[in-house]
């Protein structure tokens, strides 16, 4: 880790979680682009990749949990994740991609989504992300490390409906604000009270085409 900077904490390549997950269908994506809707996204038990030029969030909490995934044979698998919650977040130049192999009669198919590429940014409220890997530059303001997950008060609280997937007395951290730049992440799911994708573009590709 790098040394703290004046007025906050900056950690190079810090594995925190912040970017919304893939909208699983074009219909959902178009609806979100047209207005702020409640959203809950996962991609049939698959992980997906996300990049962002910049994410700014307020009211941050992070704690450990697990996400449910599935093998190609349909067997259920649990994956350790870091759950990050934000009261509000804006994202610039977001890209999300998921690759589905062995589609009958087609082969591998990729879905790639971009949003927030113009003057209007992606916006989210009460955002939760289940992420397995992330690389980014991160800066936090007024960060508290080592609080119990159930006692974290700066963020939106523990993710509703996931009580059995996390230890409420387990390790957590929180901050007033967080700024992430040059984000690359692999995630399992996202939920948000509202989630608005400005300047949405969603494309399907034959073969492998990912954000990174």
Protein backbone atom coordinates (compact mmCIF):
# COMPACT_ATOMS: atom_id res chain seq x y z
CA UNK A 1 0.00 0.00 0.00
CA UNK A 2 1.07 3.55 -0.62
CA UNK A 3 1.32 6.21 2.05
CA UNK A 4 -1.81 8.23 2.91
CA UNK A 5 -2.26 11.55 1.12
CA UNK A 6 -3.28 14.80 2.76
CA UNK A 7 -6.99 14.90 3.53
CA UNK A 8 -7.71 11.25 2.69
CA UNK A 9 -6.30 7.82 2.03
CA UNK A 10 -5.03 6.72 -1.41
CA UNK A 11 -4.16 3.08 -2.03
CA UNK A 12 -2.72 2.08 -5.44
CA UNK A 13 -4.38 -0.99 -6.94
CA UNK A 14 -6.65 -1.33 -3.91
CA UNK A 15 -9.10 -4.23 -4.26
CA UNK A 16 -12.36 -2.49 -3.44
CA UNK A 17 -15.59 -2.75 -5.32
CA UNK A 18 -17.55 -0.08 -6.99
CA UNK A 19 -18.96 -0.49 -10.46
CA UNK A 20 -22.44 -1.66 -11.38
CA UNK A 21 -22.90 -5.10 -12.96
CA UNK A 22 -24.07 -6.06 -16.43
CA UNK A 23 -27.67 -5.43 -17.44
CA UNK A 24 -28.62 -8.96 -18.45
CA UNK A 25 -30.95 -8.12 -21.34
CA UNK A 26 -31.34 -5.33 -23.88
CA UNK A 27 -34.87 -4.60 -22.64
CA UNK A 28 -33.64 -3.98 -19.10
CA UNK A 29 -30.78 -1.84 -20.38
CA UNK A 30 -33.05 0.32 -22.52
CA UNK A 31 -35.47 0.81 -19.63
CA UNK A 32 -32.65 1.94 -17.38
CA UNK A 33 -31.35 4.32 -20.01
CA UNK A 34 -34.74 6.01 -20.27
CA UNK A 35 -35.19 6.59 -16.56
CA UNK A 36 -34.11 5.70 -13.04
CA UNK A 37 -35.54 2.28 -12.17
CA UNK A 38 -35.11 -0.20 -9.35
CA UNK A 39 -32.61 -2.83 -10.48
CA UNK A 40 -31.26 -6.22 -9.46
CA UNK A 41 -28.77 -7.81 -11.85
CA UNK A 42 -26.97 -11.10 -12.08
CA UNK A 43 -25.95 -13.07 -15.15
CA UNK A 44 -27.14 -16.66 -14.65
CA UNK A 45 -24.48 -17.39 -12.07
CA UNK A 46 -21.64 -16.09 -14.27
CA UNK A 47 -19.07 -13.48 -13.42
CA UNK A 48 -18.67 -10.48 -15.71
CA UNK A 49 -16.09 -7.78 -16.35
CA UNK A 50 -16.46 -4.04 -15.77
CA UNK A 51 -14.26 -1.03 -16.45
CA UNK A 52 -14.77 2.64 -15.63
CA UNK A 53 -12.72 5.79 -16.09
CA UNK A 54 -13.96 7.27 -12.83
CA UNK A 55 -16.44 6.45 -10.07
CA UNK A 56 -17.41 8.90 -7.32
CA UNK A 57 -19.53 7.68 -4.43
CA UNK A 58 -20.76 8.88 -1.06
CA UNK A 59 -21.76 6.84 1.98
CA UNK A 60 -19.53 3.78 1.48
CA UNK A 61 -19.45 0.45 3.31
CA UNK A 62 -17.62 -2.79 2.46
CA UNK A 63 -17.66 -6.26 4.04
CA UNK A 64 -17.11 -9.89 3.13
CA UNK A 65 -19.78 -12.35 1.96
CA UNK A 66 -20.34 -14.97 -0.72
CA UNK A 67 -22.19 -15.09 -4.06
CA UNK A 68 -23.87 -18.05 -5.72
CA UNK A 69 -22.54 -19.16 -9.10
CA UNK A 70 -23.02 -22.19 -11.34
CA UNK A 71 -20.77 -24.47 -13.35
CA UNK A 72 -21.49 -25.23 -17.03
CA UNK A 73 -23.15 -28.46 -15.80
CA UNK A 74 -25.49 -26.46 -13.57
CA UNK A 75 -23.87 -27.31 -10.25
CA UNK A 76 -24.13 -24.55 -7.65
CA UNK A 77 -20.87 -23.03 -6.39
CA UNK A 78 -20.26 -20.40 -3.71
CA UNK A 79 -17.72 -17.66 -4.43
CA UNK A 80 -16.17 -15.32 -1.82
CA UNK A 81 -16.88 -11.67 -2.61
CA UNK A 82 -16.43 -8.20 -1.18
CA UNK A 83 -19.81 -6.49 -0.94
CA UNK A 84 -19.62 -2.74 -1.37
CA UNK A 85 -22.53 -0.44 -0.71
CA UNK A 86 -23.00 3.21 -1.68
CA UNK A 87 -25.77 5.61 -0.81
CA UNK A 88 -25.11 7.42 -4.11
CA UNK A 89 -22.65 6.96 -6.97
CA UNK A 90 -21.83 8.44 -10.39
CA UNK A 91 -19.73 6.68 -13.02
CA UNK A 92 -17.92 8.00 -16.09
CA UNK A 93 -17.20 5.85 -19.16
CA UNK A 94 -18.52 2.54 -17.88
CA UNK A 95 -18.10 -0.69 -19.84
CA UNK A 96 -19.56 -4.08 -18.86
CA UNK A 97 -19.16 -7.41 -20.63
CA UNK A 98 -20.13 -11.04 -20.14
CA UNK A 99 -19.10 -14.03 -22.24
CA UNK A 100 -21.41 -17.05 -22.54
CA UNK A 101 -19.78 -20.15 -24.04
CA UNK A 102 -21.41 -23.10 -25.80
CA UNK A 103 -24.62 -21.43 -26.95
CA UNK A 104 -26.43 -24.05 -29.10
CA UNK A 105 -25.89 -23.59 -32.86
CA UNK A 106 -23.86 -20.42 -32.27
CA UNK A 107 -20.92 -21.09 -29.95
CA UNK A 108 -19.50 -18.35 -27.75
CA UNK A 109 -21.54 -15.14 -27.47
CA UNK A 110 -20.44 -11.89 -25.81
CA UNK A 111 -22.59 -9.03 -24.58
CA UNK A 112 -20.93 -5.64 -24.21
CA UNK A 113 -22.57 -2.58 -22.69
CA UNK A 114 -21.27 0.98 -22.39
CA UNK A 115 -22.86 3.97 -20.65
CA UNK A 116 -21.92 7.34 -19.20
CA UNK A 117 -19.73 8.11 -22.20
CA UNK A 118 -21.13 11.59 -22.82
CA UNK A 119 -21.87 14.61 -20.67
CA UNK A 120 -24.37 12.70 -18.52
CA UNK A 121 -22.93 10.12 -16.13
CA UNK A 122 -24.30 6.81 -14.91
CA UNK A 123 -26.20 7.41 -11.65
CA UNK A 124 -27.11 4.97 -8.86
CA UNK A 125 -28.66 5.12 -5.39
CA UNK A 126 -28.44 2.47 -2.65
CA UNK A 127 -26.01 0.51 -4.78
CA UNK A 128 -24.57 -2.88 -3.75
CA UNK A 129 -21.92 -4.82 -5.68
CA UNK A 130 -20.59 -8.37 -5.19
CA UNK A 131 -17.06 -8.36 -6.60
CA UNK A 132 -14.31 -10.97 -6.68
CA UNK A 133 -11.47 -8.96 -8.25
CA UNK A 134 -10.75 -5.28 -8.78
CA UNK A 135 -7.77 -3.11 -9.74
CA UNK A 136 -8.05 0.68 -9.41
CA UNK A 137 -6.58 3.82 -7.93
CA UNK A 138 -8.74 4.68 -4.91
CA UNK A 139 -9.06 7.64 -2.56
CA UNK A 140 -11.23 7.61 0.58
CA UNK A 141 -12.30 10.43 2.90
CA UNK A 142 -12.75 9.81 6.62
CA UNK A 143 -12.32 6.06 6.36
CA UNK A 144 -12.96 3.75 9.34
CA UNK A 145 -11.35 0.31 9.19
CA UNK A 146 -12.28 -2.61 11.41
CA UNK A 147 -15.89 -1.83 12.33
CA UNK A 148 -18.45 -4.65 12.51
CA UNK A 149 -20.55 -4.92 9.35
CA UNK A 150 -23.82 -4.38 11.24
CA UNK A 151 -22.44 -1.28 12.97
CA UNK A 152 -21.27 0.57 9.83
CA UNK A 153 -23.37 3.75 9.66
CA UNK A 154 -21.87 5.81 6.82
CA UNK A 155 -23.17 3.65 3.98
CA UNK A 156 -26.61 2.23 3.18
CA UNK A 157 -26.20 -0.64 5.66
CA UNK A 158 -25.88 -4.33 4.92
CA UNK A 159 -27.48 -5.51 1.69
CA UNK A 160 -31.16 -6.37 2.29
CA UNK A 161 -32.09 -10.00 1.72
CA UNK A 162 -28.54 -11.35 2.07
CA UNK A 163 -28.43 -11.85 5.83
CA UNK A 164 -27.39 -15.50 5.49
CA UNK A 165 -24.46 -14.70 3.19
CA UNK A 166 -22.47 -12.43 5.50
CA UNK A 167 -21.42 -12.28 9.15
CA UNK A 168 -23.00 -9.16 10.70
CA UNK A 169 -20.26 -9.16 13.35
CA UNK A 170 -17.50 -9.65 10.80
CA UNK A 171 -14.86 -7.16 9.62
CA UNK A 172 -16.03 -4.13 7.65
CA UNK A 173 -14.81 -0.70 6.62
CA UNK A 174 -16.65 2.51 5.80
CA UNK A 175 -15.96 6.02 4.48
CA UNK A 176 -17.74 9.29 3.85
CA UNK A 177 -16.69 9.30 0.17
CA UNK A 178 -14.68 7.20 -2.27
CA UNK A 179 -13.23 8.02 -5.69
CA UNK A 180 -11.96 5.22 -7.96
CA UNK A 181 -10.18 5.78 -11.27
CA UNK A 182 -8.96 3.41 -14.00
CA UNK A 183 -11.19 0.62 -12.71
CA UNK A 184 -10.99 -3.01 -13.88
CA UNK A 185 -13.15 -5.50 -12.03
CA UNK A 186 -14.80 -8.94 -12.13
CA UNK A 187 -18.18 -9.06 -10.42
CA UNK A 188 -21.02 -11.47 -9.73
CA UNK A 189 -24.06 -9.27 -9.15
CA UNK A 190 -25.42 -5.79 -8.44
CA UNK A 191 -28.53 -4.43 -6.81
CA UNK A 192 -29.60 -0.78 -6.66
CA UNK A 193 -32.57 1.21 -5.46
CA UNK A 194 -32.30 3.26 -8.66
CA UNK A 195 -29.86 2.84 -11.53
CA UNK A 196 -29.76 5.14 -14.57
CA UNK A 197 -27.60 4.39 -17.62
CA UNK A 198 -27.07 7.51 -19.73
CA UNK A 199 -25.99 7.20 -23.38
CA UNK A 200 -26.48 3.43 -23.29
CA UNK A 201 -25.03 1.21 -26.02
CA UNK A 202 -25.55 -2.57 -25.84
CA UNK A 203 -24.22 -5.03 -28.44
CA UNK A 204 -24.07 -8.80 -28.87
CA UNK A 205 -21.01 -10.32 -30.53
CA UNK A 206 -20.19 -13.80 -31.75
CA UNK A 207 -16.96 -14.91 -30.09
CA UNK A 208 -15.14 -13.29 -27.16
CA UNK A 209 -15.28 -9.48 -26.88
CA UNK A 210 -14.70 -8.06 -23.40
CA UNK A 211 -14.05 -4.71 -21.76
CA UNK A 212 -10.51 -5.80 -20.83
